Amino acid sequence: PGARRVLTREELQELGARMRELKAQE
């Protein structure tokens, strides 16, 4: 909820894409 308050939708989507990539690398 804190992240949703301070990040834009675009930033959240970018962060999600980066997390998916890191998970795939792992």
PDB file of all heavy atoms in Angstrom:
ATOM      1  N   PRO A   1       0.821  -1.223   0.000  1.00  0.00           N
ATOM      2  CA  PRO A   1       0.000   0.000   0.000  1.00  0.00           C
ATOM      3  C   PRO A   1       0.854   1.272   0.000  1.00  0.00           C
ATOM      4  O   PRO A   1       0.520   2.249  -0.664  1.00  0.00           O
ATOM      5  CB  PRO A   1      -0.830  -0.114   1.280  1.00  0.00           C
ATOM      6  CG  PRO A   1      -0.898  -1.578   1.559  1.00  0.00           C
ATOM      7  CD  PRO A   1       0.438  -2.109   1.117  1.00  0.00           C
ATOM      8  N   GLY A   2       1.963   1.244   0.710  1.00  0.00           N
ATOM      9  CA  GLY A   2       2.862   2.393   0.725  1.00  0.00           C
ATOM     10  C   GLY A   2       3.444   2.671  -0.651  1.00  0.00           C
ATOM     11  O   GLY A   2       3.533   3.820  -1.087  1.00  0.00           O
ATOM     12  N   ALA A   3       3.828   1.600  -1.334  1.00  0.00           N
ATOM     13  CA  ALA A   3       4.374   1.755  -2.688  1.00  0.00           C
ATOM     14  C   ALA A   3       3.318   2.325  -3.625  1.00  0.00           C
ATOM     15  O   ALA A   3       3.618   3.183  -4.465  1.00  0.00           O
ATOM     16  CB  ALA A   3       4.881   0.410  -3.204  1.00  0.00           C
ATOM     17  N   ARG A   4       2.075   1.866  -3.480  1.00  0.00           N
ATOM     18  CA  ARG A   4       0.998   2.368  -4.341  1.00  0.00           C
ATOM     19  C   ARG A   4       0.744   3.864  -4.115  1.00  0.00           C
ATOM     20  O   ARG A   4       0.319   4.567  -5.024  1.00  0.00           O
ATOM     21  CB  ARG A   4      -0.285   1.573  -4.105  1.00  0.00           C
ATOM     22  CG  ARG A   4      -0.249   0.206  -4.731  1.00  0.00           C
ATOM     23  CD  ARG A   4      -1.608  -0.505  -4.603  1.00  0.00           C
ATOM     24  NE  ARG A   4      -1.424  -1.930  -4.743  1.00  0.00           N
ATOM     25  CZ  ARG A   4      -1.379  -2.799  -3.735  1.00  0.00           C
ATOM     26  NH1 ARG A   4      -1.551  -2.399  -2.484  1.00  0.00           N
ATOM     27  NH2 ARG A   4      -1.196  -4.079  -3.958  1.00  0.00           N
ATOM     28  N   ARG A   5       1.004   4.326  -2.903  1.00  0.00           N
ATOM     29  CA  ARG A   5       0.780   5.743  -2.595  1.00  0.00           C
ATOM     30  C   ARG A   5       1.871   6.638  -3.193  1.00  0.00           C
ATOM     31  O   ARG A   5       1.609   7.774  -3.547  1.00  0.00           O
ATOM     32  CB  ARG A   5       0.709   5.968  -1.082  1.00  0.00           C
ATOM     33  CG  ARG A   5      -0.608   5.566  -0.466  1.00  0.00           C
ATOM     34  CD  ARG A   5      -0.736   6.055   0.967  1.00  0.00           C
ATOM     35  NE  ARG A   5       0.288   5.524   1.867  1.00  0.00           N
ATOM     36  CZ  ARG A   5       0.211   4.347   2.503  1.00  0.00           C
ATOM     37  NH1 ARG A   5      -0.855   3.575   2.349  1.00  0.00           N
ATOM     38  NH2 ARG A   5       1.177   3.949   3.297  1.00  0.00           N
ATOM     39  N   VAL A   6       3.100   6.151  -3.286  1.00  0.00           N
ATOM     40  CA  VAL A   6       4.211   7.018  -3.691  1.00  0.00           C
ATOM     41  C   VAL A   6       4.702   6.791  -5.125  1.00  0.00           C
ATOM     42  O   VAL A   6       5.421   7.632  -5.657  1.00  0.00           O
ATOM     43  CB  VAL A   6       5.404   6.913  -2.712  1.00  0.00           C
ATOM     44  CG1 VAL A   6       4.996   7.360  -1.318  1.00  0.00           C
ATOM     45  CG2 VAL A   6       5.997   5.528  -2.698  1.00  0.00           C
ATOM     46  N   LEU A   7       4.338   5.670  -5.741  1.00  0.00           N
ATOM     47  CA  LEU A   7       4.795   5.379  -7.101  1.00  0.00           C
ATOM     48  C   LEU A   7       3.651   5.525  -8.096  1.00  0.00           C
ATOM     49  O   LEU A   7       2.499   5.237  -7.770  1.00  0.00           O
ATOM     50  CB  LEU A   7       5.368   3.956  -7.182  1.00  0.00           C
ATOM     51  CG  LEU A   7       6.575   3.660  -6.285  1.00  0.00           C
ATOM     52  CD1 LEU A   7       6.934   2.186  -6.352  1.00  0.00           C
ATOM     53  CD2 LEU A   7       7.767   4.513  -6.684  1.00  0.00           C
ATOM     54  N   THR A   8       3.996   5.947  -9.291  1.00  0.00           N
ATOM     55  CA  THR A   8       2.994   6.029 -10.348  1.00  0.00           C
ATOM     56  C   THR A   8       2.699   4.616 -10.863  1.00  0.00           C
ATOM     57  O   THR A   8       3.462   3.677 -10.612  1.00  0.00           O
ATOM     58  CB  THR A   8       3.497   6.878 -11.527  1.00  0.00           C
ATOM     59  OG1 THR A   8       4.604   6.207 -12.144  1.00  0.00           O
ATOM     60  CG2 THR A   8       3.896   8.281 -11.078  1.00  0.00           C
ATOM     61  N   ARG A   9       1.618   4.492 -11.597  1.00  0.00           N
ATOM     62  CA  ARG A   9       1.254   3.199 -12.189  1.00  0.00           C
ATOM     63  C   ARG A   9       2.389   2.694 -13.089  1.00  0.00           C
ATOM     64  O   ARG A   9       2.744   1.524 -13.060  1.00  0.00           O
ATOM     65  CB  ARG A   9      -0.045   3.336 -12.976  1.00  0.00           C
ATOM     66  CG  ARG A   9      -0.527   2.049 -13.612  1.00  0.00           C
ATOM     67  CD  ARG A   9      -1.887   2.274 -14.294  1.00  0.00           C
ATOM     68  NE  ARG A   9      -2.353   1.082 -14.931  1.00  0.00           N
ATOM     69  CZ  ARG A   9      -3.032   0.099 -14.332  1.00  0.00           C
ATOM     70  NH1 ARG A   9      -3.311   0.191 -13.046  1.00  0.00           N
ATOM     71  NH2 ARG A   9      -3.425  -0.958 -15.005  1.00  0.00           N
ATOM     72  N   GLU A  10       2.963   3.607 -13.867  1.00  0.00           N
ATOM     73  CA  GLU A  10       4.074   3.245 -14.754  1.00  0.00           C
ATOM     74  C   GLU A  10       5.278   2.740 -13.955  1.00  0.00           C
ATOM     75  O   GLU A  10       5.912   1.755 -14.323  1.00  0.00           O
ATOM     76  CB  GLU A  10       4.470   4.455 -15.601  1.00  0.00           C
ATOM     77  CG  GLU A  10       5.506   4.155 -16.654  1.00  0.00           C
ATOM     78  CD  GLU A  10       5.787   5.376 -17.504  1.00  0.00           C
ATOM     79  OE1 GLU A  10       5.017   5.618 -18.445  1.00  0.00           O
ATOM     80  OE2 GLU A  10       6.784   6.076 -17.203  1.00  0.00           O
ATOM     81  N   GLU A  11       5.595   3.412 -12.863  1.00  0.00           N
ATOM     82  CA  GLU A  11       6.719   2.987 -12.018  1.00  0.00           C
ATOM     83  C   GLU A  11       6.453   1.618 -11.407  1.00  0.00           C
ATOM     84  O   GLU A  11       7.358   0.775 -11.332  1.00  0.00           O
ATOM     85  CB  GLU A  11       6.979   4.016 -10.925  1.00  0.00           C
ATOM     86  CG  GLU A  11       7.567   5.309 -11.434  1.00  0.00           C
ATOM     87  CD  GLU A  11       7.607   6.396 -10.378  1.00  0.00           C
ATOM     88  OE1 GLU A  11       6.658   6.500  -9.562  1.00  0.00           O
ATOM     89  OE2 GLU A  11       8.597   7.152 -10.365  1.00  0.00           O
ATOM     90  N   LEU A  12       5.219   1.374 -10.969  1.00  0.00           N
ATOM     91  CA  LEU A  12       4.871   0.074 -10.403  1.00  0.00           C
ATOM     92  C   LEU A  12       4.997  -1.026 -11.447  1.00  0.00           C
ATOM     93  O   LEU A  12       5.506  -2.122 -11.155  1.00  0.00           O
ATOM     94  CB  LEU A  12       3.450   0.104  -9.827  1.00  0.00           C
ATOM     95  CG  LEU A  12       3.267   0.906  -8.548  1.00  0.00           C
ATOM     96  CD1 LEU A  12       1.793   1.082  -8.233  1.00  0.00           C
ATOM     97  CD2 LEU A  12       3.993   0.251  -7.391  1.00  0.00           C
ATOM     98  N   GLN A  13       4.557  -0.754 -12.662  1.00  0.00           N
ATOM     99  CA  GLN A  13       4.661  -1.742 -13.736  1.00  0.00           C
ATOM    100  C   GLN A  13       6.121  -2.018 -14.074  1.00  0.00           C
ATOM    101  O   GLN A  13       6.512  -3.172 -14.282  1.00  0.00           O
ATOM    102  CB  GLN A  13       3.885  -1.283 -14.972  1.00  0.00           C
ATOM    103  CG  GLN A  13       2.389  -1.332 -14.757  1.00  0.00           C
ATOM    104  CD  GLN A  13       1.595  -0.759 -15.920  1.00  0.00           C
ATOM    105  OE1 GLN A  13       2.097   0.039 -16.703  1.00  0.00           O
ATOM    106  NE2 GLN A  13       0.341  -1.168 -16.014  1.00  0.00           N
ATOM    107  N   GLU A  14       6.933  -0.978 -14.103  1.00  0.00           N
ATOM    108  CA  GLU A  14       8.363  -1.121 -14.365  1.00  0.00           C
ATOM    109  C   GLU A  14       9.038  -1.953 -13.260  1.00  0.00           C
ATOM    110  O   GLU A  14       9.849  -2.833 -13.532  1.00  0.00           O
ATOM    111  CB  GLU A  14       8.989   0.271 -14.439  1.00  0.00           C
ATOM    112  CG  GLU A  14      10.338   0.329 -15.075  1.00  0.00           C
ATOM    113  CD  GLU A  14      10.792   1.777 -15.218  1.00  0.00           C
ATOM    114  OE1 GLU A  14      10.115   2.526 -15.955  1.00  0.00           O
ATOM    115  OE2 GLU A  14      11.795   2.140 -14.575  1.00  0.00           O
ATOM    116  N   LEU A  15       8.674  -1.667 -12.030  1.00  0.00           N
ATOM    117  CA  LEU A  15       9.216  -2.407 -10.898  1.00  0.00           C
ATOM    118  C   LEU A  15       8.806  -3.880 -10.973  1.00  0.00           C
ATOM    119  O   LEU A  15       9.632  -4.776 -10.754  1.00  0.00           O
ATOM    120  CB  LEU A  15       8.732  -1.792  -9.585  1.00  0.00           C
ATOM    121  CG  LEU A  15       9.212  -2.421  -8.294  1.00  0.00           C
ATOM    122  CD1 LEU A  15      10.730  -2.421  -8.190  1.00  0.00           C
ATOM    123  CD2 LEU A  15       8.597  -1.703  -7.103  1.00  0.00           C
ATOM    124  N   GLY A  16       7.538  -4.134 -11.309  1.00  0.00           N
ATOM    125  CA  GLY A  16       7.072  -5.509 -11.453  1.00  0.00           C
ATOM    126  C   GLY A  16       7.815  -6.260 -12.541  1.00  0.00           C
ATOM    127  O   GLY A  16       8.198  -7.421 -12.367  1.00  0.00           O
ATOM    128  N   ALA A  17       8.069  -5.600 -13.675  1.00  0.00           N
ATOM    129  CA  ALA A  17       8.807  -6.225 -14.777  1.00  0.00           C
ATOM    130  C   ALA A  17      10.226  -6.557 -14.336  1.00  0.00           C
ATOM    131  O   ALA A  17      10.751  -7.635 -14.638  1.00  0.00           O
ATOM    132  CB  ALA A  17       8.817  -5.312 -15.993  1.00  0.00           C
ATOM    133  N   ARG A  18      10.847  -5.642 -13.598  1.00  0.00           N
ATOM    134  CA  ARG A  18      12.221  -5.878 -13.107  1.00  0.00           C
ATOM    135  C   ARG A  18      12.243  -7.047 -12.114  1.00  0.00           C
ATOM    136  O   ARG A  18      13.140  -7.879 -12.156  1.00  0.00           O
ATOM    137  CB  ARG A  18      12.756  -4.605 -12.455  1.00  0.00           C
ATOM    138  CG  ARG A  18      14.149  -4.733 -11.919  1.00  0.00           C
ATOM    139  CD  ARG A  18      15.162  -4.863 -13.045  1.00  0.00           C
ATOM    140  NE  ARG A  18      16.488  -4.978 -12.478  1.00  0.00           N
ATOM    141  CZ  ARG A  18      17.366  -5.914 -12.831  1.00  0.00           C
ATOM    142  NH1 ARG A  18      17.097  -6.752 -13.793  1.00  0.00           N
ATOM    143  NH2 ARG A  18      18.536  -5.969 -12.247  1.00  0.00           N
ATOM    144  N   MET A  19      11.258  -7.120 -11.251  1.00  0.00           N
ATOM    145  CA  MET A  19      11.197  -8.215 -10.276  1.00  0.00           C
ATOM    146  C   MET A  19      11.008  -9.562 -10.985  1.00  0.00           C
ATOM    147  O   MET A  19      11.629 -10.556 -10.606  1.00  0.00           O
ATOM    148  CB  MET A  19      10.083  -7.958  -9.263  1.00  0.00           C
ATOM    149  CG  MET A  19      10.392  -6.792  -8.340  1.00  0.00           C
ATOM    150  SD  MET A  19       9.035  -6.372  -7.249  1.00  0.00           S
ATOM    151  CE  MET A  19       9.119  -7.716  -6.095  1.00  0.00           C
ATOM    152  N   ARG A  20      10.157  -9.591 -12.015  1.00  0.00           N
ATOM    153  CA  ARG A  20       9.961 -10.828 -12.776  1.00  0.00           C
ATOM    154  C   ARG A  20      11.258 -11.262 -13.445  1.00  0.00           C
ATOM    155  O   ARG A  20      11.596 -12.444 -13.458  1.00  0.00           O
ATOM    156  CB  ARG A  20       8.846 -10.660 -13.805  1.00  0.00           C
ATOM    157  CG  ARG A  20       7.445 -10.700 -13.202  1.00  0.00           C
ATOM    158  CD  ARG A  20       6.359 -10.732 -14.262  1.00  0.00           C
ATOM    159  NE  ARG A  20       6.326  -9.526 -15.079  1.00  0.00           N
ATOM    160  CZ  ARG A  20       5.735  -8.386 -14.737  1.00  0.00           C
ATOM    161  NH1 ARG A  20       5.119  -8.285 -13.567  1.00  0.00           N
ATOM    162  NH2 ARG A  20       5.752  -7.349 -15.546  1.00  0.00           N
ATOM    163  N   GLU A  21      12.013 -10.301 -13.979  1.00  0.00           N
ATOM    164  CA  GLU A  21      13.286 -10.620 -14.621  1.00  0.00           C
ATOM    165  C   GLU A  21      14.297 -11.173 -13.611  1.00  0.00           C
ATOM    166  O   GLU A  21      14.970 -12.159 -13.876  1.00  0.00           O
ATOM    167  CB  GLU A  21      13.861  -9.385 -15.318  1.00  0.00           C
ATOM    168  CG  GLU A  21      15.227  -9.596 -15.929  1.00  0.00           C
ATOM    169  CD  GLU A  21      15.318 -10.737 -16.945  1.00  0.00           C
ATOM    170  OE1 GLU A  21      14.322 -11.011 -17.633  1.00  0.00           O
ATOM    171  OE2 GLU A  21      16.400 -11.365 -17.038  1.00  0.00           O
ATOM    172  N   LEU A  22      14.376 -10.542 -12.455  1.00  0.00           N
ATOM    173  CA  LEU A  22      15.289 -11.037 -11.417  1.00  0.00           C
ATOM    174  C   LEU A  22      14.900 -12.441 -10.966  1.00  0.00           C
ATOM    175  O   LEU A  22      15.766 -13.298 -10.749  1.00  0.00           O
ATOM    176  CB  LEU A  22      15.318 -10.078 -10.226  1.00  0.00           C
ATOM    177  CG  LEU A  22      16.009  -8.737 -10.473  1.00  0.00           C
ATOM    178  CD1 LEU A  22      15.772  -7.796  -9.297  1.00  0.00           C
ATOM    179  CD2 LEU A  22      17.495  -8.933 -10.720  1.00  0.00           C
ATOM    180  N   LYS A  23      13.611 -12.687 -10.843  1.00  0.00           N
ATOM    181  CA  LYS A  23      13.132 -14.016 -10.452  1.00  0.00           C
ATOM    182  C   LYS A  23      13.486 -15.049 -11.520  1.00  0.00           C
ATOM    183  O   LYS A  23      13.916 -16.157 -11.202  1.00  0.00           O
ATOM    184  CB  LYS A  23      11.620 -13.975 -10.221  1.00  0.00           C
ATOM    185  CG  LYS A  23      11.067 -15.220  -9.611  1.00  0.00           C
ATOM    186  CD  LYS A  23       9.593 -15.053  -9.271  1.00  0.00           C
ATOM    187  CE  LYS A  23       9.052 -16.300  -8.630  1.00  0.00           C
ATOM    188  NZ  LYS A  23       7.654 -16.166  -8.260  1.00  0.00           N
ATOM    189  N   ALA A  24      13.348 -14.695 -12.786  1.00  0.00           N
ATOM    190  CA  ALA A  24      13.697 -15.595 -13.882  1.00  0.00           C
ATOM    191  C   ALA A  24      15.201 -15.881 -13.881  1.00  0.00           C
ATOM    192  O   ALA A  24      15.618 -17.023 -14.089  1.00  0.00           O
ATOM    193  CB  ALA A  24      13.262 -15.000 -15.218  1.00  0.00           C
ATOM    194  N   GLN A  25      16.007 -14.866 -13.622  1.00  0.00           N
ATOM    195  CA  GLN A  25      17.454 -15.058 -13.545  1.00  0.00           C
ATOM    196  C   GLN A  25      17.815 -16.008 -12.412  1.00  0.00           C
ATOM    197  O   GLN A  25      18.661 -16.886 -12.570  1.00  0.00           O
ATOM    198  CB  GLN A  25      18.169 -13.722 -13.343  1.00  0.00           C
ATOM    199  CG  GLN A  25      18.192 -12.841 -14.552  1.00  0.00           C
ATOM    200  CD  GLN A  25      18.818 -11.484 -14.252  1.00  0.00           C
ATOM    201  OE1 GLN A  25      19.426 -11.261 -13.201  1.00  0.00           O
ATOM    202  NE2 GLN A  25      18.649 -10.550 -15.180  1.00  0.00           N
ATOM    203  N   GLU A  26      17.178 -15.825 -11.278  1.00  0.00           N
ATOM    204  CA  GLU A  26      17.430 -16.696 -10.120  1.00  0.00           C
ATOM    205  C   GLU A  26      17.053 -18.140 -10.434  1.00  0.00           C
ATOM    206  O   GLU A  26      17.754 -19.070 -10.056  1.00  0.00           O
ATOM    207  CB  GLU A  26      16.660 -16.185  -8.902  1.00  0.00           C
ATOM    208  CG  GLU A  26      16.883 -16.985  -7.642  1.00  0.00           C
ATOM    209  CD  GLU A  26      18.278 -16.873  -7.064  1.00  0.00           C
ATOM    210  OE1 GLU A  26      18.983 -15.882  -7.325  1.00  0.00           O
ATOM    211  OE2 GLU A  26      18.673 -17.802  -6.327  1.00  0.00           O
TER     212      GLU A  26
END
